[in-house]
Protein backbone atom coordinates (compact mmCIF):
# COMPACT_ATOMS: atom_id res chain seq x y z
CA UNK A 1 0.00 0.00 0.00
CA UNK A 2 1.39 3.36 -1.05
CA UNK A 3 0.65 6.23 1.32
CA UNK A 4 1.27 9.73 0.01
CA UNK A 5 2.02 12.42 2.57
CA UNK A 6 0.83 15.99 2.11
CA UNK A 7 4.31 17.10 1.10
CA UNK A 8 4.58 14.34 -1.50
CA UNK A 9 1.27 14.88 -3.28
CA UNK A 10 1.20 14.22 -7.01
CA UNK A 11 1.20 17.40 -9.07
CA UNK A 12 -2.36 16.84 -10.27
CA UNK A 13 -3.64 16.88 -6.67
CA UNK A 14 -1.73 20.07 -5.89
CA UNK A 15 -3.11 21.62 -9.06
CA UNK A 16 -6.67 20.58 -8.29
CA UNK A 17 -6.58 21.84 -4.70
CA UNK A 18 -7.69 25.36 -5.63
CA UNK A 19 -10.60 24.25 -7.81
CA UNK A 20 -13.15 23.67 -5.00
CA UNK A 21 -12.61 27.10 -3.41
CA UNK A 22 -12.67 28.83 -6.79
CA UNK A 23 -15.81 27.02 -7.92
CA UNK A 24 -17.70 27.47 -4.66
CA UNK A 25 -16.84 31.17 -4.32
CA UNK A 26 -17.46 31.80 -8.01
CA UNK A 27 -20.82 30.07 -8.20
CA UNK A 28 -22.01 31.78 -5.02
CA UNK A 29 -21.06 35.20 -6.30
CA UNK A 30 -22.63 34.62 -9.73
CA UNK A 31 -25.93 33.53 -8.16
CA UNK A 32 -26.01 36.53 -5.78
CA UNK A 33 -25.06 38.94 -8.57
CA UNK A 34 -27.67 37.66 -11.02
CA UNK A 35 -30.33 37.91 -8.31
CA UNK A 36 -29.52 41.62 -7.97
CA UNK A 37 -29.46 42.21 -11.74
CA UNK A 38 -32.88 40.73 -12.47
CA UNK A 39 -35.55 43.41 -12.72
CA UNK A 40 -37.46 42.29 -9.64
CA UNK A 41 -34.20 41.78 -7.74
CA UNK A 42 -32.94 45.25 -8.58
CA UNK A 43 -36.23 46.80 -7.45
CA UNK A 44 -36.32 44.71 -4.28
CA UNK A 45 -32.73 45.51 -3.29
CA UNK A 46 -32.82 49.22 -4.24
CA UNK A 47 -34.95 50.24 -1.25
CA UNK A 48 -32.82 48.17 1.08
CA UNK A 49 -29.60 49.72 -0.25
CA UNK A 50 -31.05 53.22 0.27
CA UNK A 51 -31.97 52.33 3.86
CA UNK A 52 -28.32 51.38 4.35
CA UNK A 53 -27.25 54.79 3.04
CA UNK A 54 -26.27 53.83 -0.51
CA UNK A 55 -28.07 56.37 -2.72
CA UNK A 56 -29.26 56.08 -5.42
CA UNK A 57 -30.07 52.55 -4.40
CA UNK A 58 -30.77 51.20 -7.88
CA UNK A 59 -27.35 52.27 -9.22
CA UNK A 60 -25.59 50.69 -6.23
CA UNK A 61 -27.54 47.46 -6.64
CA UNK A 62 -26.59 47.23 -10.32
CA UNK A 63 -22.94 48.04 -9.56
CA UNK A 64 -22.86 45.42 -6.81
CA UNK A 65 -24.59 42.83 -9.02
CA UNK A 66 -22.18 43.40 -11.91
CA UNK A 67 -19.21 43.22 -9.52
CA UNK A 68 -20.46 39.96 -8.04
CA UNK A 69 -21.10 38.34 -11.42
CA UNK A 70 -17.72 39.39 -12.83
CA UNK A 71 -15.90 38.30 -9.67
CA UNK A 72 -17.72 34.97 -9.76
CA UNK A 73 -16.98 34.26 -13.40
CA UNK A 74 -13.34 35.27 -12.87
CA UNK A 75 -13.01 32.93 -9.91
CA UNK A 76 -14.59 30.03 -11.79
CA UNK A 77 -12.37 30.49 -14.84
CA UNK A 78 -9.26 31.27 -12.84
CA UNK A 79 -8.55 34.51 -14.66
CA UNK A 80 -8.11 37.86 -12.89
CA UNK A 81 -8.57 35.87 -9.72
CA UNK A 82 -6.80 38.30 -7.40
CA UNK A 83 -8.86 41.36 -8.43
CA UNK A 84 -11.98 39.19 -8.20
CA UNK A 85 -11.00 38.07 -4.70
CA UNK A 86 -10.39 41.68 -3.68
CA UNK A 87 -13.85 42.63 -4.99
CA UNK A 88 -15.43 39.82 -2.96
CA UNK A 89 -13.56 40.96 0.16
CA UNK A 90 -14.87 44.51 -0.32
CA UNK A 91 -18.49 43.52 -0.95
CA UNK A 92 -18.54 41.06 1.95
CA UNK A 93 -16.82 43.46 4.34
CA UNK A 94 -19.51 46.03 3.56
CA UNK A 95 -22.23 43.39 3.99
CA UNK A 96 -20.80 42.47 7.39
CA UNK A 97 -20.39 46.08 8.50
CA UNK A 98 -23.77 47.33 7.30
CA UNK A 99 -26.08 44.31 7.62
CA UNK A 100 -24.82 41.18 9.33
CA UNK A 101 -22.30 42.30 11.94
CA UNK A 102 -24.83 43.57 14.46
CA UNK A 103 -26.71 40.24 14.31
CA UNK A 104 -23.81 38.19 15.62
CA UNK A 105 -22.04 35.21 14.12
CA UNK A 106 -24.91 32.72 13.58
CA UNK A 107 -26.06 32.67 9.97
CA UNK A 108 -29.52 31.40 10.96
CA UNK A 109 -29.98 34.61 12.94
CA UNK A 110 -28.89 36.81 10.02
CA UNK A 111 -25.30 36.90 11.26
CA UNK A 112 -22.03 37.13 9.38
CA UNK A 113 -20.98 33.45 9.44
CA UNK A 114 -21.54 32.92 5.69
CA UNK A 115 -19.96 36.24 4.74
CA UNK A 116 -16.90 35.41 6.82
CA UNK A 117 -16.55 32.07 5.03
CA UNK A 118 -16.69 33.86 1.66
CA UNK A 119 -14.04 36.30 2.90
CA UNK A 120 -11.79 33.44 3.99
CA UNK A 121 -12.03 31.76 0.59
CA UNK A 122 -11.44 35.07 -1.19
CA UNK A 123 -8.42 35.83 1.01
CA UNK A 124 -6.93 32.44 0.20
CA UNK A 125 -7.34 33.09 -3.53
CA UNK A 126 -5.96 36.60 -3.18
CA UNK A 127 -2.84 35.26 -1.51
CA UNK A 128 -2.37 32.13 -3.64
CA UNK A 129 -3.85 32.98 -7.03
CA UNK A 130 -5.87 30.65 -9.25
CA UNK A 131 -3.56 27.64 -9.33
CA UNK A 132 -2.38 25.60 -12.29
CA UNK A 133 -5.77 24.41 -13.54
CA UNK A 134 -6.94 27.82 -14.72
CA UNK A 135 -7.28 30.10 -17.71
CA UNK A 136 -4.55 32.21 -16.14
CA UNK A 137 -2.08 29.32 -16.25
CA UNK A 138 -2.98 28.50 -19.86
CA UNK A 139 -2.34 32.10 -20.90
CA UNK A 140 0.88 32.23 -18.91
CA UNK A 141 2.14 29.08 -20.63
CA UNK A 142 1.35 30.62 -24.00
CA UNK A 143 3.23 33.81 -23.09
CA UNK A 144 6.24 31.77 -21.95
CA UNK A 145 6.33 29.76 -25.19
CA UNK A 146 6.10 32.92 -27.25
CA UNK A 147 8.94 34.55 -25.29
CA UNK A 148 11.08 31.44 -25.56
CA UNK A 149 10.74 31.48 -29.34
CA UNK A 150 11.29 35.22 -29.61
CA UNK A 151 14.23 35.46 -27.20
CA UNK A 152 15.86 32.18 -28.20
CA UNK A 153 16.33 30.97 -24.61
CA UNK A 154 18.39 33.89 -23.30
CA UNK A 155 19.63 32.99 -19.81
CA UNK A 156 18.14 35.96 -17.94
CA UNK A 157 14.84 36.30 -19.72
CA UNK A 158 11.53 36.95 -18.00
CA UNK A 159 9.44 33.80 -17.65
CA UNK A 160 5.96 35.30 -17.70
CA UNK A 161 3.97 38.48 -18.10
CA UNK A 162 3.82 41.32 -15.59
CA UNK A 163 0.15 41.87 -16.44
CA UNK A 164 -0.65 38.19 -15.91
CA UNK A 165 1.30 38.22 -12.65
CA UNK A 166 -0.76 41.18 -11.42
CA UNK A 167 -4.06 39.59 -12.40
CA UNK A 168 -3.18 36.24 -10.83
C-alpha atoms as a PDB file:
ATOM      1  CA  UNK A   1       0.000   0.000   0.000  1.00  0.00           C
ATOM      2  CA  UNK A   2       1.393   3.355  -1.053  1.00  0.00           C
ATOM      3  CA  UNK A   3       0.647   6.226   1.320  1.00  0.00           C
ATOM      4  CA  UNK A   4       1.274   9.734   0.014  1.00  0.00           C
ATOM      5  CA  UNK A   5       2.020  12.421   2.573  1.00  0.00           C
ATOM      6  CA  UNK A   6       0.830  15.986   2.108  1.00  0.00           C
ATOM      7  CA  UNK A   7       4.307  17.100   1.104  1.00  0.00           C
ATOM      8  CA  UNK A   8       4.585  14.341  -1.499  1.00  0.00           C
ATOM      9  CA  UNK A   9       1.275  14.875  -3.278  1.00  0.00           C
ATOM     10  CA  UNK A  10       1.205  14.223  -7.007  1.00  0.00           C
ATOM     11  CA  UNK A  11       1.197  17.403  -9.071  1.00  0.00           C
ATOM     12  CA  UNK A  12      -2.361  16.844 -10.272  1.00  0.00           C
ATOM     13  CA  UNK A  13      -3.638  16.885  -6.667  1.00  0.00           C
ATOM     14  CA  UNK A  14      -1.731  20.067  -5.894  1.00  0.00           C
ATOM     15  CA  UNK A  15      -3.106  21.623  -9.064  1.00  0.00           C
ATOM     16  CA  UNK A  16      -6.668  20.578  -8.287  1.00  0.00           C
ATOM     17  CA  UNK A  17      -6.580  21.841  -4.697  1.00  0.00           C
ATOM     18  CA  UNK A  18      -7.694  25.356  -5.633  1.00  0.00           C
ATOM     19  CA  UNK A  19     -10.601  24.246  -7.813  1.00  0.00           C
ATOM     20  CA  UNK A  20     -13.150  23.666  -5.003  1.00  0.00           C
ATOM     21  CA  UNK A  21     -12.608  27.098  -3.405  1.00  0.00           C
ATOM     22  CA  UNK A  22     -12.666  28.828  -6.793  1.00  0.00           C
ATOM     23  CA  UNK A  23     -15.809  27.020  -7.919  1.00  0.00           C
ATOM     24  CA  UNK A  24     -17.702  27.473  -4.656  1.00  0.00           C
ATOM     25  CA  UNK A  25     -16.842  31.167  -4.319  1.00  0.00           C
ATOM     26  CA  UNK A  26     -17.461  31.795  -8.006  1.00  0.00           C
ATOM     27  CA  UNK A  27     -20.816  30.074  -8.199  1.00  0.00           C
ATOM     28  CA  UNK A  28     -22.012  31.785  -5.021  1.00  0.00           C
ATOM     29  CA  UNK A  29     -21.058  35.204  -6.297  1.00  0.00           C
ATOM     30  CA  UNK A  30     -22.633  34.619  -9.726  1.00  0.00           C
ATOM     31  CA  UNK A  31     -25.934  33.531  -8.158  1.00  0.00           C
ATOM     32  CA  UNK A  32     -26.007  36.527  -5.784  1.00  0.00           C
ATOM     33  CA  UNK A  33     -25.063  38.941  -8.569  1.00  0.00           C
ATOM     34  CA  UNK A  34     -27.671  37.658 -11.016  1.00  0.00           C
ATOM     35  CA  UNK A  35     -30.334  37.906  -8.307  1.00  0.00           C
ATOM     36  CA  UNK A  36     -29.515  41.615  -7.970  1.00  0.00           C
ATOM     37  CA  UNK A  37     -29.461  42.210 -11.744  1.00  0.00           C
ATOM     38  CA  UNK A  38     -32.884  40.727 -12.472  1.00  0.00           C
ATOM     39  CA  UNK A  39     -35.550  43.415 -12.720  1.00  0.00           C
ATOM     40  CA  UNK A  40     -37.459  42.285  -9.638  1.00  0.00           C
ATOM     41  CA  UNK A  41     -34.202  41.781  -7.741  1.00  0.00           C
ATOM     42  CA  UNK A  42     -32.944  45.252  -8.576  1.00  0.00           C
ATOM     43  CA  UNK A  43     -36.233  46.797  -7.450  1.00  0.00           C
ATOM     44  CA  UNK A  44     -36.320  44.711  -4.278  1.00  0.00           C
ATOM     45  CA  UNK A  45     -32.733  45.509  -3.293  1.00  0.00           C
ATOM     46  CA  UNK A  46     -32.822  49.225  -4.244  1.00  0.00           C
ATOM     47  CA  UNK A  47     -34.954  50.243  -1.247  1.00  0.00           C
ATOM     48  CA  UNK A  48     -32.823  48.170   1.078  1.00  0.00           C
ATOM     49  CA  UNK A  49     -29.603  49.723  -0.247  1.00  0.00           C
ATOM     50  CA  UNK A  50     -31.052  53.217   0.267  1.00  0.00           C
ATOM     51  CA  UNK A  51     -31.969  52.327   3.864  1.00  0.00           C
ATOM     52  CA  UNK A  52     -28.317  51.381   4.351  1.00  0.00           C
ATOM     53  CA  UNK A  53     -27.247  54.793   3.040  1.00  0.00           C
ATOM     54  CA  UNK A  54     -26.273  53.831  -0.514  1.00  0.00           C
ATOM     55  CA  UNK A  55     -28.072  56.367  -2.720  1.00  0.00           C
ATOM     56  CA  UNK A  56     -29.257  56.084  -5.416  1.00  0.00           C
ATOM     57  CA  UNK A  57     -30.074  52.552  -4.398  1.00  0.00           C
ATOM     58  CA  UNK A  58     -30.770  51.198  -7.876  1.00  0.00           C
ATOM     59  CA  UNK A  59     -27.348  52.269  -9.222  1.00  0.00           C
ATOM     60  CA  UNK A  60     -25.589  50.695  -6.231  1.00  0.00           C
ATOM     61  CA  UNK A  61     -27.544  47.460  -6.645  1.00  0.00           C
ATOM     62  CA  UNK A  62     -26.590  47.232 -10.319  1.00  0.00           C
ATOM     63  CA  UNK A  63     -22.938  48.038  -9.559  1.00  0.00           C
ATOM     64  CA  UNK A  64     -22.857  45.422  -6.813  1.00  0.00           C
ATOM     65  CA  UNK A  65     -24.588  42.835  -9.021  1.00  0.00           C
ATOM     66  CA  UNK A  66     -22.176  43.398 -11.909  1.00  0.00           C
ATOM     67  CA  UNK A  67     -19.210  43.220  -9.525  1.00  0.00           C
ATOM     68  CA  UNK A  68     -20.456  39.965  -8.036  1.00  0.00           C
ATOM     69  CA  UNK A  69     -21.100  38.344 -11.423  1.00  0.00           C
ATOM     70  CA  UNK A  70     -17.717  39.388 -12.832  1.00  0.00           C
ATOM     71  CA  UNK A  71     -15.903  38.302  -9.673  1.00  0.00           C
ATOM     72  CA  UNK A  72     -17.720  34.966  -9.758  1.00  0.00           C
ATOM     73  CA  UNK A  73     -16.976  34.264 -13.402  1.00  0.00           C
ATOM     74  CA  UNK A  74     -13.335  35.273 -12.870  1.00  0.00           C
ATOM     75  CA  UNK A  75     -13.008  32.934  -9.907  1.00  0.00           C
ATOM     76  CA  UNK A  76     -14.592  30.031 -11.789  1.00  0.00           C
ATOM     77  CA  UNK A  77     -12.367  30.487 -14.837  1.00  0.00           C
ATOM     78  CA  UNK A  78      -9.263  31.268 -12.837  1.00  0.00           C
ATOM     79  CA  UNK A  79      -8.546  34.508 -14.658  1.00  0.00           C
ATOM     80  CA  UNK A  80      -8.114  37.861 -12.892  1.00  0.00           C
ATOM     81  CA  UNK A  81      -8.570  35.868  -9.717  1.00  0.00           C
ATOM     82  CA  UNK A  82      -6.798  38.296  -7.402  1.00  0.00           C
ATOM     83  CA  UNK A  83      -8.859  41.361  -8.434  1.00  0.00           C
ATOM     84  CA  UNK A  84     -11.982  39.194  -8.200  1.00  0.00           C
ATOM     85  CA  UNK A  85     -11.004  38.066  -4.697  1.00  0.00           C
ATOM     86  CA  UNK A  86     -10.387  41.682  -3.684  1.00  0.00           C
ATOM     87  CA  UNK A  87     -13.846  42.626  -4.990  1.00  0.00           C
ATOM     88  CA  UNK A  88     -15.429  39.824  -2.963  1.00  0.00           C
ATOM     89  CA  UNK A  89     -13.561  40.958   0.155  1.00  0.00           C
ATOM     90  CA  UNK A  90     -14.865  44.510  -0.315  1.00  0.00           C
ATOM     91  CA  UNK A  91     -18.491  43.516  -0.951  1.00  0.00           C
ATOM     92  CA  UNK A  92     -18.544  41.059   1.949  1.00  0.00           C
ATOM     93  CA  UNK A  93     -16.819  43.457   4.342  1.00  0.00           C
ATOM     94  CA  UNK A  94     -19.513  46.030   3.563  1.00  0.00           C
ATOM     95  CA  UNK A  95     -22.231  43.389   3.988  1.00  0.00           C
ATOM     96  CA  UNK A  96     -20.801  42.468   7.391  1.00  0.00           C
ATOM     97  CA  UNK A  97     -20.389  46.084   8.498  1.00  0.00           C
ATOM     98  CA  UNK A  98     -23.773  47.325   7.296  1.00  0.00           C
ATOM     99  CA  UNK A  99     -26.082  44.310   7.616  1.00  0.00           C
ATOM    100  CA  UNK A 100     -24.817  41.177   9.326  1.00  0.00           C
ATOM    101  CA  UNK A 101     -22.295  42.300  11.942  1.00  0.00           C
ATOM    102  CA  UNK A 102     -24.834  43.565  14.463  1.00  0.00           C
ATOM    103  CA  UNK A 103     -26.710  40.240  14.313  1.00  0.00           C
ATOM    104  CA  UNK A 104     -23.815  38.186  15.624  1.00  0.00           C
ATOM    105  CA  UNK A 105     -22.039  35.208  14.122  1.00  0.00           C
ATOM    106  CA  UNK A 106     -24.906  32.723  13.581  1.00  0.00           C
ATOM    107  CA  UNK A 107     -26.058  32.674   9.968  1.00  0.00           C
ATOM    108  CA  UNK A 108     -29.521  31.402  10.964  1.00  0.00           C
ATOM    109  CA  UNK A 109     -29.984  34.610  12.940  1.00  0.00           C
ATOM    110  CA  UNK A 110     -28.889  36.805  10.017  1.00  0.00           C
ATOM    111  CA  UNK A 111     -25.302  36.898  11.258  1.00  0.00           C
ATOM    112  CA  UNK A 112     -22.028  37.132   9.380  1.00  0.00           C
ATOM    113  CA  UNK A 113     -20.981  33.454   9.437  1.00  0.00           C
ATOM    114  CA  UNK A 114     -21.535  32.918   5.691  1.00  0.00           C
ATOM    115  CA  UNK A 115     -19.958  36.245   4.736  1.00  0.00           C
ATOM    116  CA  UNK A 116     -16.904  35.406   6.819  1.00  0.00           C
ATOM    117  CA  UNK A 117     -16.549  32.068   5.028  1.00  0.00           C
ATOM    118  CA  UNK A 118     -16.694  33.860   1.661  1.00  0.00           C
ATOM    119  CA  UNK A 119     -14.038  36.304   2.897  1.00  0.00           C
ATOM    120  CA  UNK A 120     -11.788  33.436   3.989  1.00  0.00           C
ATOM    121  CA  UNK A 121     -12.032  31.761   0.592  1.00  0.00           C
ATOM    122  CA  UNK A 122     -11.438  35.069  -1.194  1.00  0.00           C
ATOM    123  CA  UNK A 123      -8.421  35.832   1.006  1.00  0.00           C
ATOM    124  CA  UNK A 124      -6.929  32.445   0.197  1.00  0.00           C
ATOM    125  CA  UNK A 125      -7.344  33.086  -3.534  1.00  0.00           C
ATOM    126  CA  UNK A 126      -5.961  36.604  -3.177  1.00  0.00           C
ATOM    127  CA  UNK A 127      -2.840  35.262  -1.514  1.00  0.00           C
ATOM    128  CA  UNK A 128      -2.367  32.132  -3.636  1.00  0.00           C
ATOM    129  CA  UNK A 129      -3.853  32.984  -7.032  1.00  0.00           C
ATOM    130  CA  UNK A 130      -5.870  30.653  -9.245  1.00  0.00           C
ATOM    131  CA  UNK A 131      -3.565  27.638  -9.331  1.00  0.00           C
ATOM    132  CA  UNK A 132      -2.375  25.596 -12.285  1.00  0.00           C
ATOM    133  CA  UNK A 133      -5.773  24.411 -13.535  1.00  0.00           C
ATOM    134  CA  UNK A 134      -6.942  27.818 -14.721  1.00  0.00           C
ATOM    135  CA  UNK A 135      -7.279  30.104 -17.712  1.00  0.00           C
ATOM    136  CA  UNK A 136      -4.547  32.211 -16.141  1.00  0.00           C
ATOM    137  CA  UNK A 137      -2.083  29.321 -16.254  1.00  0.00           C
ATOM    138  CA  UNK A 138      -2.985  28.497 -19.863  1.00  0.00           C
ATOM    139  CA  UNK A 139      -2.341  32.098 -20.895  1.00  0.00           C
ATOM    140  CA  UNK A 140       0.881  32.231 -18.913  1.00  0.00           C
ATOM    141  CA  UNK A 141       2.141  29.077 -20.625  1.00  0.00           C
ATOM    142  CA  UNK A 142       1.354  30.619 -23.997  1.00  0.00           C
ATOM    143  CA  UNK A 143       3.229  33.806 -23.091  1.00  0.00           C
ATOM    144  CA  UNK A 144       6.235  31.773 -21.948  1.00  0.00           C
ATOM    145  CA  UNK A 145       6.327  29.758 -25.185  1.00  0.00           C
ATOM    146  CA  UNK A 146       6.105  32.923 -27.251  1.00  0.00           C
ATOM    147  CA  UNK A 147       8.939  34.547 -25.285  1.00  0.00           C
ATOM    148  CA  UNK A 148      11.084  31.440 -25.555  1.00  0.00           C
ATOM    149  CA  UNK A 149      10.738  31.479 -29.335  1.00  0.00           C
ATOM    150  CA  UNK A 150      11.295  35.220 -29.607  1.00  0.00           C
ATOM    151  CA  UNK A 151      14.235  35.459 -27.197  1.00  0.00           C
ATOM    152  CA  UNK A 152      15.856  32.177 -28.196  1.00  0.00           C
ATOM    153  CA  UNK A 153      16.331  30.968 -24.606  1.00  0.00           C
ATOM    154  CA  UNK A 154      18.386  33.886 -23.301  1.00  0.00           C
ATOM    155  CA  UNK A 155      19.633  32.988 -19.807  1.00  0.00           C
ATOM    156  CA  UNK A 156      18.144  35.962 -17.939  1.00  0.00           C
ATOM    157  CA  UNK A 157      14.835  36.300 -19.721  1.00  0.00           C
ATOM    158  CA  UNK A 158      11.533  36.955 -18.002  1.00  0.00           C
ATOM    159  CA  UNK A 159       9.445  33.795 -17.654  1.00  0.00           C
ATOM    160  CA  UNK A 160       5.963  35.304 -17.704  1.00  0.00           C
ATOM    161  CA  UNK A 161       3.971  38.484 -18.097  1.00  0.00           C
ATOM    162  CA  UNK A 162       3.820  41.322 -15.589  1.00  0.00           C
ATOM    163  CA  UNK A 163       0.148  41.868 -16.444  1.00  0.00           C
ATOM    164  CA  UNK A 164      -0.654  38.192 -15.915  1.00  0.00           C
ATOM    165  CA  UNK A 165       1.303  38.221 -12.655  1.00  0.00           C
ATOM    166  CA  UNK A 166      -0.756  41.177 -11.421  1.00  0.00           C
ATOM    167  CA  UNK A 167      -4.060  39.587 -12.398  1.00  0.00           C
ATOM    168  CA  UNK A 168      -3.177  36.241 -10.833  1.00  0.00           C
END
